[in-house]
Amino acid sequence: MMSSSLGLLLNTLSITLNIYFVLLIIRVLLSWFPNFQGSQFMLILGQLTDPYLDLFRRFIPPLGGMDFSPILAFFILQAVTQAVQQLAIQTSGSFSAFY
C-alpha cells in the first residue's frame, strides 16, 4: 500500500516535471518571436518558467545577446525527472506515465 502510494506520487511528479519541460521549451522558442512578447500567454508562461530559469541566469549571463541558461536548466530538469522515474520504478516495480 505504502509503495503503491509513493509510486503514484512519484509518477505524478514525473508527469508534472515533463509538462514543465514542455512549458520551458515553448517559453524559449517563443522568446525568439517579437510578436509574442508582452502577450497575455507569454506573461503567464513567464510567471511559470522565469523563476526556475532565473536560478541559472545568475550563473550564466547572456553572451552576445543570447541567453544560454535554458540549456543548463533543461539538463538539470531532465536529470531530476529521470531520477524521479527511476525511484518510481524501484518503489512500485514499474513506471507508468498514465494511471
PDB file of N, CA and C in Angstrom:
ATOM      1  N   MET A   1       0.830  -1.199   0.000  1.00  0.00           N
ATOM      2  CA  MET A   1       0.000   0.000   0.000  1.00  0.00           C
ATOM      3  C   MET A   1       0.869   1.257   0.000  1.00  0.00           C
ATOM      4  N   MET A   2       1.867   1.271   0.912  1.00  0.00           N
ATOM      5  CA  MET A   2       2.729   2.440   1.004  1.00  0.00           C
ATOM      6  C   MET A   2       3.535   2.632  -0.274  1.00  0.00           C
ATOM      7  N   SER A   3       4.094   1.541  -0.802  1.00  0.00           N
ATOM      8  CA  SER A   3       4.878   1.667  -2.030  1.00  0.00           C
ATOM      9  C   SER A   3       3.987   2.045  -3.206  1.00  0.00           C
ATOM     10  N   SER A   4       2.739   1.596  -3.175  1.00  0.00           N
ATOM     11  CA  SER A   4       1.792   1.956  -4.224  1.00  0.00           C
ATOM     12  C   SER A   4       1.497   3.454  -4.186  1.00  0.00           C
ATOM     13  N   SER A   5       1.291   3.987  -3.000  1.00  0.00           N
ATOM     14  CA  SER A   5       1.021   5.421  -2.855  1.00  0.00           C
ATOM     15  C   SER A   5       2.242   6.243  -3.243  1.00  0.00           C
ATOM     16  N   LEU A   6       3.406   5.799  -2.813  1.00  0.00           N
ATOM     17  CA  LEU A   6       4.634   6.505  -3.154  1.00  0.00           C
ATOM     18  C   LEU A   6       4.898   6.423  -4.654  1.00  0.00           C
ATOM     19  N   GLY A   7       4.635   5.270  -5.244  1.00  0.00           N
ATOM     20  CA  GLY A   7       4.792   5.118  -6.683  1.00  0.00           C
ATOM     21  C   GLY A   7       3.871   6.050  -7.448  1.00  0.00           C
ATOM     22  N   LEU A   8       2.634   6.164  -6.992  1.00  0.00           N
ATOM     23  CA  LEU A   8       1.680   7.079  -7.624  1.00  0.00           C
ATOM     24  C   LEU A   8       2.162   8.518  -7.502  1.00  0.00           C
ATOM     25  N   LEU A   9       2.650   8.880  -6.330  1.00  0.00           N
ATOM     26  CA  LEU A   9       3.160  10.232  -6.112  1.00  0.00           C
ATOM     27  C   LEU A   9       4.354  10.512  -7.028  1.00  0.00           C
ATOM     28  N   LEU A  10       5.265   9.573  -7.122  1.00  0.00           N
ATOM     29  CA  LEU A  10       6.441   9.756  -7.975  1.00  0.00           C
ATOM     30  C   LEU A  10       6.068   9.807  -9.453  1.00  0.00           C
ATOM     31  N   ASN A  11       5.117   8.993  -9.874  1.00  0.00           N
ATOM     32  CA  ASN A  11       4.644   9.047 -11.263  1.00  0.00           C
ATOM     33  C   ASN A  11       4.001  10.395 -11.565  1.00  0.00           C
ATOM     34  N   THR A  12       3.203  10.886 -10.633  1.00  0.00           N
ATOM     35  CA  THR A  12       2.552  12.188 -10.807  1.00  0.00           C
ATOM     36  C   THR A  12       3.596  13.295 -10.883  1.00  0.00           C
ATOM     37  N   LEU A  13       4.600  13.221 -10.016  1.00  0.00           N
ATOM     38  CA  LEU A  13       5.679  14.206 -10.042  1.00  0.00           C
ATOM     39  C   LEU A  13       6.429  14.151 -11.370  1.00  0.00           C
ATOM     40  N   SER A  14       6.685  12.970 -11.871  1.00  0.00           N
ATOM     41  CA  SER A  14       7.376  12.815 -13.145  1.00  0.00           C
ATOM     42  C   SER A  14       6.578  13.430 -14.294  1.00  0.00           C
ATOM     43  N   ILE A  15       5.290  13.186 -14.308  1.00  0.00           N
ATOM     44  CA  ILE A  15       4.431  13.764 -15.349  1.00  0.00           C
ATOM     45  C   ILE A  15       4.435  15.284 -15.254  1.00  0.00           C
ATOM     46  N   THR A  16       4.358  15.801 -14.038  1.00  0.00           N
ATOM     47  CA  THR A  16       4.378  17.250 -13.825  1.00  0.00           C
ATOM     48  C   THR A  16       5.696  17.849 -14.313  1.00  0.00           C
ATOM     49  N   LEU A  17       6.801  17.199 -14.018  1.00  0.00           N
ATOM     50  CA  LEU A  17       8.106  17.677 -14.479  1.00  0.00           C
ATOM     51  C   LEU A  17       8.203  17.641 -16.004  1.00  0.00           C
ATOM     52  N   ASN A  18       7.637  16.625 -16.633  1.00  0.00           N
ATOM     53  CA  ASN A  18       7.637  16.557 -18.102  1.00  0.00           C
ATOM     54  C   ASN A  18       6.792  17.670 -18.713  1.00  0.00           C
ATOM     55  N   ILE A  19       5.668  17.977 -18.107  1.00  0.00           N
ATOM     56  CA  ILE A  19       4.832  19.086 -18.580  1.00  0.00           C
ATOM     57  C   ILE A  19       5.590  20.400 -18.440  1.00  0.00           C
ATOM     58  N   TYR A  20       6.274  20.567 -17.313  1.00  0.00           N
ATOM     59  CA  TYR A  20       7.061  21.780 -17.089  1.00  0.00           C
ATOM     60  C   TYR A  20       8.181  21.896 -18.128  1.00  0.00           C
ATOM     61  N   PHE A  21       8.781  20.784 -18.484  1.00  0.00           N
ATOM     62  CA  PHE A  21       9.820  20.770 -19.515  1.00  0.00           C
ATOM     63  C   PHE A  21       9.258  21.291 -20.839  1.00  0.00           C
ATOM     64  N   VAL A  22       8.076  20.849 -21.192  1.00  0.00           N
ATOM     65  CA  VAL A  22       7.427  21.319 -22.426  1.00  0.00           C
ATOM     66  C   VAL A  22       7.154  22.818 -22.340  1.00  0.00           C
ATOM     67  N   LEU A  23       6.700  23.294 -21.179  1.00  0.00           N
ATOM     68  CA  LEU A  23       6.466  24.730 -21.000  1.00  0.00           C
ATOM     69  C   LEU A  23       7.760  25.521 -21.179  1.00  0.00           C
ATOM     70  N   LEU A  24       8.857  24.994 -20.671  1.00  0.00           N
ATOM     71  CA  LEU A  24      10.153  25.658 -20.858  1.00  0.00           C
ATOM     72  C   LEU A  24      10.538  25.727 -22.332  1.00  0.00           C
ATOM     73  N   ILE A  25      10.318  24.648 -23.053  1.00  0.00           N
ATOM     74  CA  ILE A  25      10.634  24.643 -24.487  1.00  0.00           C
ATOM     75  C   ILE A  25       9.794  25.694 -25.213  1.00  0.00           C
ATOM     76  N   ILE A  26       8.512  25.733 -24.915  1.00  0.00           N
ATOM     77  CA  ILE A  26       7.632  26.727 -25.544  1.00  0.00           C
ATOM     78  C   ILE A  26       8.106  28.132 -25.208  1.00  0.00           C
ATOM     79  N   ARG A  27       8.464  28.360 -23.945  1.00  0.00           N
ATOM     80  CA  ARG A  27       8.936  29.679 -23.499  1.00  0.00           C
ATOM     81  C   ARG A  27      10.176  30.098 -24.279  1.00  0.00           C
ATOM     82  N   VAL A  28      11.128  29.205 -24.403  1.00  0.00           N
ATOM     83  CA  VAL A  28      12.373  29.532 -25.098  1.00  0.00           C
ATOM     84  C   VAL A  28      12.110  29.771 -26.583  1.00  0.00           C
ATOM     85  N   LEU A  29      11.327  28.921 -27.206  1.00  0.00           N
ATOM     86  CA  LEU A  29      11.046  29.089 -28.638  1.00  0.00           C
ATOM     87  C   LEU A  29      10.293  30.382 -28.928  1.00  0.00           C
ATOM     88  N   LEU A  30       9.289  30.689 -28.118  1.00  0.00           N
ATOM     89  CA  LEU A  30       8.504  31.898 -28.364  1.00  0.00           C
ATOM     90  C   LEU A  30       9.275  33.174 -28.047  1.00  0.00           C
ATOM     91  N   SER A  31      10.330  33.068 -27.250  1.00  0.00           N
ATOM     92  CA  SER A  31      11.129  34.262 -26.950  1.00  0.00           C
ATOM     93  C   SER A  31      11.860  34.763 -28.199  1.00  0.00           C
ATOM     94  N   TRP A  32      11.953  33.947 -29.214  1.00  0.00           N
ATOM     95  CA  TRP A  32      12.605  34.339 -30.458  1.00  0.00           C
ATOM     96  C   TRP A  32      11.670  35.112 -31.392  1.00  0.00           C
ATOM     97  N   PHE A  33      10.394  35.167 -31.056  1.00  0.00           N
ATOM     98  CA  PHE A  33       9.411  35.845 -31.900  1.00  0.00           C
ATOM     99  C   PHE A  33       8.905  37.095 -31.194  1.00  0.00           C
ATOM    100  N   PRO A  34       9.285  38.278 -31.689  1.00  0.00           N
ATOM    101  CA  PRO A  34       8.913  39.523 -31.014  1.00  0.00           C
ATOM    102  C   PRO A  34       7.399  39.751 -30.929  1.00  0.00           C
ATOM    103  N   ASN A  35       6.635  39.175 -31.837  1.00  0.00           N
ATOM    104  CA  ASN A  35       5.184  39.378 -31.813  1.00  0.00           C
ATOM    105  C   ASN A  35       4.541  38.793 -30.566  1.00  0.00           C
ATOM    106  N   PHE A  36       5.171  37.796 -29.961  1.00  0.00           N
ATOM    107  CA  PHE A  36       4.606  37.160 -28.778  1.00  0.00           C
ATOM    108  C   PHE A  36       4.997  37.877 -27.487  1.00  0.00           C
ATOM    109  N   GLN A  37       6.041  38.714 -27.537  1.00  0.00           N
ATOM    110  CA  GLN A  37       6.488  39.403 -26.332  1.00  0.00           C
ATOM    111  C   GLN A  37       5.381  40.336 -25.842  1.00  0.00           C
ATOM    112  N   GLY A  38       5.095  40.283 -24.572  1.00  0.00           N
ATOM    113  CA  GLY A  38       4.066  41.137 -23.988  1.00  0.00           C
ATOM    114  C   GLY A  38       2.664  40.581 -24.099  1.00  0.00           C
ATOM    115  N   SER A  39       2.485  39.468 -24.798  1.00  0.00           N
ATOM    116  CA  SER A  39       1.149  38.879 -24.899  1.00  0.00           C
ATOM    117  C   SER A  39       0.766  38.253 -23.560  1.00  0.00           C
ATOM    118  N   GLN A  40      -0.511  38.103 -23.343  1.00  0.00           N
ATOM    119  CA  GLN A  40      -1.003  37.516 -22.095  1.00  0.00           C
ATOM    120  C   GLN A  40      -0.450  36.105 -21.908  1.00  0.00           C
ATOM    121  N   PHE A  41      -0.387  35.357 -22.982  1.00  0.00           N
ATOM    122  CA  PHE A  41       0.140  33.995 -22.916  1.00  0.00           C
ATOM    123  C   PHE A  41       1.592  33.992 -22.447  1.00  0.00           C
ATOM    124  N   MET A  42       2.416  34.894 -23.012  1.00  0.00           N
ATOM    125  CA  MET A  42       3.827  34.951 -22.625  1.00  0.00           C
ATOM    126  C   MET A  42       3.997  35.445 -21.195  1.00  0.00           C
ATOM    127  N   LEU A  43       3.126  36.333 -20.745  1.00  0.00           N
ATOM    128  CA  LEU A  43       3.204  36.796 -19.359  1.00  0.00           C
ATOM    129  C   LEU A  43       2.943  35.648 -18.391  1.00  0.00           C
ATOM    130  N   ILE A  44       1.935  34.854 -18.685  1.00  0.00           N
ATOM    131  CA  ILE A  44       1.618  33.699 -17.830  1.00  0.00           C
ATOM    132  C   ILE A  44       2.744  32.670 -17.905  1.00  0.00           C
ATOM    133  N   LEU A  45       3.204  32.407 -19.111  1.00  0.00           N
ATOM    134  CA  LEU A  45       4.290  31.444 -19.298  1.00  0.00           C
ATOM    135  C   LEU A  45       5.560  31.911 -18.582  1.00  0.00           C
ATOM    136  N   GLY A  46       5.822  33.200 -18.643  1.00  0.00           N
ATOM    137  CA  GLY A  46       6.979  33.762 -17.950  1.00  0.00           C
ATOM    138  C   GLY A  46       6.861  33.634 -16.440  1.00  0.00           C
ATOM    139  N   GLN A  47       5.659  33.843 -15.914  1.00  0.00           N
ATOM    140  CA  GLN A  47       5.452  33.696 -14.472  1.00  0.00           C
ATOM    141  C   GLN A  47       5.686  32.259 -14.026  1.00  0.00           C
ATOM    142  N   LEU A  48       5.388  31.311 -14.889  1.00  0.00           N
ATOM    143  CA  LEU A  48       5.576  29.901 -14.548  1.00  0.00           C
ATOM    144  C   LEU A  48       7.030  29.444 -14.698  1.00  0.00           C
ATOM    145  N   THR A  49       7.726  29.967 -15.691  1.00  0.00           N
ATOM    146  CA  THR A  49       9.050  29.434 -16.012  1.00  0.00           C
ATOM    147  C   THR A  49      10.220  30.321 -15.591  1.00  0.00           C
ATOM    148  N   ASP A  50      10.028  31.623 -15.523  1.00  0.00           N
ATOM    149  CA  ASP A  50      11.152  32.517 -15.221  1.00  0.00           C
ATOM    150  C   ASP A  50      11.783  32.294 -13.851  1.00  0.00           C
ATOM    151  N   PRO A  51      11.020  31.989 -12.801  1.00  0.00           N
ATOM    152  CA  PRO A  51      11.702  31.739 -11.517  1.00  0.00           C
ATOM    153  C   PRO A  51      12.728  30.602 -11.608  1.00  0.00           C
ATOM    154  N   TYR A  52      12.403  29.554 -12.319  1.00  0.00           N
ATOM    155  CA  TYR A  52      13.348  28.443 -12.498  1.00  0.00           C
ATOM    156  C   TYR A  52      14.525  28.869 -13.375  1.00  0.00           C
ATOM    157  N   LEU A  53      14.232  29.540 -14.484  1.00  0.00           N
ATOM    158  CA  LEU A  53      15.304  29.971 -15.382  1.00  0.00           C
ATOM    159  C   LEU A  53      16.213  30.998 -14.717  1.00  0.00           C
ATOM    160  N   ASP A  54      15.655  31.840 -13.853  1.00  0.00           N
ATOM    161  CA  ASP A  54      16.458  32.856 -13.170  1.00  0.00           C
ATOM    162  C   ASP A  54      17.521  32.241 -12.269  1.00  0.00           C
ATOM    163  N   LEU A  55      17.268  31.049 -11.757  1.00  0.00           N
ATOM    164  CA  LEU A  55      18.282  30.358 -10.955  1.00  0.00           C
ATOM    165  C   LEU A  55      19.561  30.157 -11.760  1.00  0.00           C
ATOM    166  N   PHE A  56      19.419  29.874 -13.032  1.00  0.00           N
ATOM    167  CA  PHE A  56      20.566  29.604 -13.894  1.00  0.00           C
ATOM    168  C   PHE A  56      21.116  30.875 -14.526  1.00  0.00           C
ATOM    169  N   ARG A  57      20.283  31.886 -14.690  1.00  0.00           N
ATOM    170  CA  ARG A  57      20.742  33.156 -15.264  1.00  0.00           C
ATOM    171  C   ARG A  57      21.733  33.849 -14.335  1.00  0.00           C
ATOM    172  N   ARG A  58      21.670  33.553 -13.048  1.00  0.00           N
ATOM    173  CA  ARG A  58      22.632  34.125 -12.104  1.00  0.00           C
ATOM    174  C   ARG A  58      24.045  33.632 -12.398  1.00  0.00           C
ATOM    175  N   PHE A  59      24.154  32.406 -12.871  1.00  0.00           N
ATOM    176  CA  PHE A  59      25.460  31.798 -13.097  1.00  0.00           C
ATOM    177  C   PHE A  59      25.928  31.901 -14.544  1.00  0.00           C
ATOM    178  N   ILE A  60      24.985  31.985 -15.467  1.00  0.00           N
ATOM    179  CA  ILE A  60      25.331  32.034 -16.889  1.00  0.00           C
ATOM    180  C   ILE A  60      24.728  33.308 -17.486  1.00  0.00           C
ATOM    181  N   PRO A  61      25.510  34.381 -17.534  1.00  0.00           N
ATOM    182  CA  PRO A  61      24.975  35.627 -18.101  1.00  0.00           C
ATOM    183  C   PRO A  61      24.824  35.509 -19.619  1.00  0.00           C
ATOM    184  N   PRO A  62      23.945  36.327 -20.203  1.00  0.00           N
ATOM    185  CA  PRO A  62      23.792  36.313 -21.667  1.00  0.00           C
ATOM    186  C   PRO A  62      25.126  36.637 -22.347  1.00  0.00           C
ATOM    187  N   LEU A  63      25.354  35.991 -23.451  1.00  0.00           N
ATOM    188  CA  LEU A  63      26.595  36.179 -24.195  1.00  0.00           C
ATOM    189  C   LEU A  63      26.238  36.608 -25.613  1.00  0.00           C
ATOM    190  N   GLY A  64      26.600  37.811 -25.974  1.00  0.00           N
ATOM    191  CA  GLY A  64      26.293  38.314 -27.306  1.00  0.00           C
ATOM    192  C   GLY A  64      24.798  38.398 -27.572  1.00  0.00           C
ATOM    193  N   GLY A  65      24.018  38.701 -26.550  1.00  0.00           N
ATOM    194  CA  GLY A  65      22.571  38.801 -26.698  1.00  0.00           C
ATOM    195  C   GLY A  65      21.846  37.470 -26.648  1.00  0.00           C
ATOM    196  N   MET A  66      22.595  36.396 -26.484  1.00  0.00           N
ATOM    197  CA  MET A  66      21.980  35.060 -26.415  1.00  0.00           C
ATOM    198  C   MET A  66      21.986  34.571 -24.967  1.00  0.00           C
ATOM    199  N   ASP A  67      20.851  34.057 -24.534  1.00  0.00           N
ATOM    200  CA  ASP A  67      20.718  33.518 -23.183  1.00  0.00           C
ATOM    201  C   ASP A  67      20.908  32.003 -23.245  1.00  0.00           C
ATOM    202  N   PHE A  68      22.026  31.526 -22.717  1.00  0.00           N
ATOM    203  CA  PHE A  68      22.337  30.103 -22.749  1.00  0.00           C
ATOM    204  C   PHE A  68      21.919  29.376 -21.474  1.00  0.00           C
ATOM    205  N   SER A  69      21.372  30.103 -20.515  1.00  0.00           N
ATOM    206  CA  SER A  69      20.986  29.477 -19.247  1.00  0.00           C
ATOM    207  C   SER A  69      19.910  28.399 -19.404  1.00  0.00           C
ATOM    208  N   PRO A  70      18.981  28.510 -20.359  1.00  0.00           N
ATOM    209  CA  PRO A  70      17.995  27.431 -20.502  1.00  0.00           C
ATOM    210  C   PRO A  70      18.611  26.069 -20.823  1.00  0.00           C
ATOM    211  N   ILE A  71      19.775  26.056 -21.451  1.00  0.00           N
ATOM    212  CA  ILE A  71      20.408  24.769 -21.769  1.00  0.00           C
ATOM    213  C   ILE A  71      20.723  24.014 -20.488  1.00  0.00           C
ATOM    214  N   LEU A  72      21.350  24.701 -19.531  1.00  0.00           N
ATOM    215  CA  LEU A  72      21.649  24.070 -18.248  1.00  0.00           C
ATOM    216  C   LEU A  72      20.360  23.728 -17.508  1.00  0.00           C
ATOM    217  N   ALA A  73      19.377  24.622 -17.591  1.00  0.00           N
ATOM    218  CA  ALA A  73      18.086  24.371 -16.935  1.00  0.00           C
ATOM    219  C   ALA A  73      17.428  23.108 -17.494  1.00  0.00           C
ATOM    220  N   PHE A  74      17.507  22.913 -18.807  1.00  0.00           N
ATOM    221  CA  PHE A  74      16.946  21.704 -19.427  1.00  0.00           C
ATOM    222  C   PHE A  74      17.660  20.452 -18.926  1.00  0.00           C
ATOM    223  N   PHE A  75      18.990  20.499 -18.900  1.00  0.00           N
ATOM    224  CA  PHE A  75      19.757  19.330 -18.453  1.00  0.00           C
ATOM    225  C   PHE A  75      19.424  18.957 -17.009  1.00  0.00           C
ATOM    226  N   ILE A  76      19.376  19.950 -16.141  1.00  0.00           N
ATOM    227  CA  ILE A  76      19.091  19.690 -14.723  1.00  0.00           C
ATOM    228  C   ILE A  76      17.683  19.132 -14.565  1.00  0.00           C
ATOM    229  N   LEU A  77      16.713  19.738 -15.250  1.00  0.00           N
ATOM    230  CA  LEU A  77      15.333  19.269 -15.135  1.00  0.00           C
ATOM    231  C   LEU A  77      15.198  17.837 -15.649  1.00  0.00           C
ATOM    232  N   GLN A  78      15.858  17.525 -16.749  1.00  0.00           N
ATOM    233  CA  GLN A  78      15.799  16.158 -17.275  1.00  0.00           C
ATOM    234  C   GLN A  78      16.458  15.165 -16.326  1.00  0.00           C
ATOM    235  N   ALA A  79      17.568  15.557 -15.710  1.00  0.00           N
ATOM    236  CA  ALA A  79      18.241  14.670 -14.753  1.00  0.00           C
ATOM    237  C   ALA A  79      17.345  14.396 -13.548  1.00  0.00           C
ATOM    238  N   VAL A  80      16.683  15.430 -13.054  1.00  0.00           N
ATOM    239  CA  VAL A  80      15.768  15.255 -11.917  1.00  0.00           C
ATOM    240  C   VAL A  80      14.590  14.376 -12.322  1.00  0.00           C
ATOM    241  N   THR A  81      14.047  14.609 -13.504  1.00  0.00           N
ATOM    242  CA  THR A  81      12.921  13.808 -13.988  1.00  0.00           C
ATOM    243  C   THR A  81      13.313  12.340 -14.109  1.00  0.00           C
ATOM    244  N   GLN A  82      14.481  12.071 -14.652  1.00  0.00           N
ATOM    245  CA  GLN A  82      14.934  10.685 -14.782  1.00  0.00           C
ATOM    246  C   GLN A  82      15.161  10.040 -13.421  1.00  0.00           C
ATOM    247  N   ALA A  83      15.676  10.812 -12.467  1.00  0.00           N
ATOM    248  CA  ALA A  83      15.873  10.279 -11.117  1.00  0.00           C
ATOM    249  C   ALA A  83      14.536   9.930 -10.474  1.00  0.00           C
ATOM    250  N   VAL A  84      13.538  10.787 -10.670  1.00  0.00           N
ATOM    251  CA  VAL A  84      12.201  10.524 -10.124  1.00  0.00           C
ATOM    252  C   VAL A  84      11.607   9.280 -10.780  1.00  0.00           C
ATOM    253  N   GLN A  85      11.789   9.138 -12.089  1.00  0.00           N
ATOM    254  CA  GLN A  85      11.275   7.956 -12.784  1.00  0.00           C
ATOM    255  C   GLN A  85      11.951   6.684 -12.285  1.00  0.00           C
ATOM    256  N   GLN A  86      13.241   6.736 -12.047  1.00  0.00           N
ATOM    257  CA  GLN A  86      13.947   5.566 -11.514  1.00  0.00           C
ATOM    258  C   GLN A  86      13.456   5.215 -10.115  1.00  0.00           C
ATOM    259  N   LEU A  87      13.220   6.231  -9.291  1.00  0.00           N
ATOM    260  CA  LEU A  87      12.663   5.981  -7.958  1.00  0.00           C
ATOM    261  C   LEU A  87      11.283   5.350  -8.057  1.00  0.00           C
ATOM    262  N   ALA A  88      10.489   5.822  -9.020  1.00  0.00           N
ATOM    263  CA  ALA A  88       9.148   5.260  -9.202  1.00  0.00           C
ATOM    264  C   ALA A  88       9.239   3.786  -9.584  1.00  0.00           C
ATOM    265  N   ILE A  89      10.190   3.461 -10.442  1.00  0.00           N
ATOM    266  CA  ILE A  89      10.369   2.062 -10.854  1.00  0.00           C
ATOM    267  C   ILE A  89      10.820   1.213  -9.675  1.00  0.00           C
ATOM    268  N   GLN A  90      11.768   1.705  -8.911  1.00  0.00           N
ATOM    269  CA  GLN A  90      12.273   0.955  -7.761  1.00  0.00           C
ATOM    270  C   GLN A  90      11.215   0.796  -6.679  1.00  0.00           C
ATOM    271  N   THR A  91      10.368   1.805  -6.528  1.00  0.00           N
ATOM    272  CA  THR A  91       9.357   1.782  -5.472  1.00  0.00           C
ATOM    273  C   THR A  91       8.190   0.877  -5.814  1.00  0.00           C
ATOM    274  N   SER A  92       7.681   1.023  -7.034  1.00  0.00           N
ATOM    275  CA  SER A  92       6.467   0.280  -7.379  1.00  0.00           C
ATOM    276  C   SER A  92       6.725  -0.887  -8.325  1.00  0.00           C
ATOM    277  N   GLY A  93       7.943  -1.017  -8.794  1.00  0.00           N
ATOM    278  CA  GLY A  93       8.254  -2.114  -9.702  1.00  0.00           C
ATOM    279  C   GLY A  93       7.995  -1.779 -11.154  1.00  0.00           C
ATOM    280  N   SER A  94       7.365  -0.649 -11.411  1.00  0.00           N
ATOM    281  CA  SER A  94       7.124  -0.230 -12.791  1.00  0.00           C
ATOM    282  C   SER A  94       6.932   1.271 -12.820  1.00  0.00           C
ATOM    283  N   PHE A  95       7.067   1.818 -14.003  1.00  0.00           N
ATOM    284  CA  PHE A  95       6.806   3.236 -14.206  1.00  0.00           C
ATOM    285  C   PHE A  95       5.713   3.359 -15.234  1.00  0.00           C
ATOM    286  N   SER A  96       4.726   4.157 -14.925  1.00  0.00           N
ATOM    287  CA  SER A  96       3.632   4.383 -15.861  1.00  0.00           C
ATOM    288  C   SER A  96       3.437   5.877 -16.012  1.00  0.00           C
ATOM    289  N   ALA A  97       3.478   6.353 -17.245  1.00  0.00           N
ATOM    290  CA  ALA A  97       3.241   7.775 -17.477  1.00  0.00           C
ATOM    291  C   ALA A  97       1.784   8.124 -17.222  1.00  0.00           C
ATOM    292  N   PHE A  98       0.926   7.140 -17.306  1.00  0.00           N
ATOM    293  CA  PHE A  98      -0.500   7.362 -17.079  1.00  0.00           C
ATOM    294  C   PHE A  98      -1.043   6.272 -16.181  1.00  0.00           C
ATOM    295  N   TYR A  99      -1.872   6.665 -15.226  1.00  0.00           N
ATOM    296  CA  TYR A  99      -2.511   5.681 -14.354  1.00  0.00           C
ATOM    297  C   TYR A  99      -3.946   5.490 -14.748  1.00  0.00           C
TER     298      TYR A  99
END
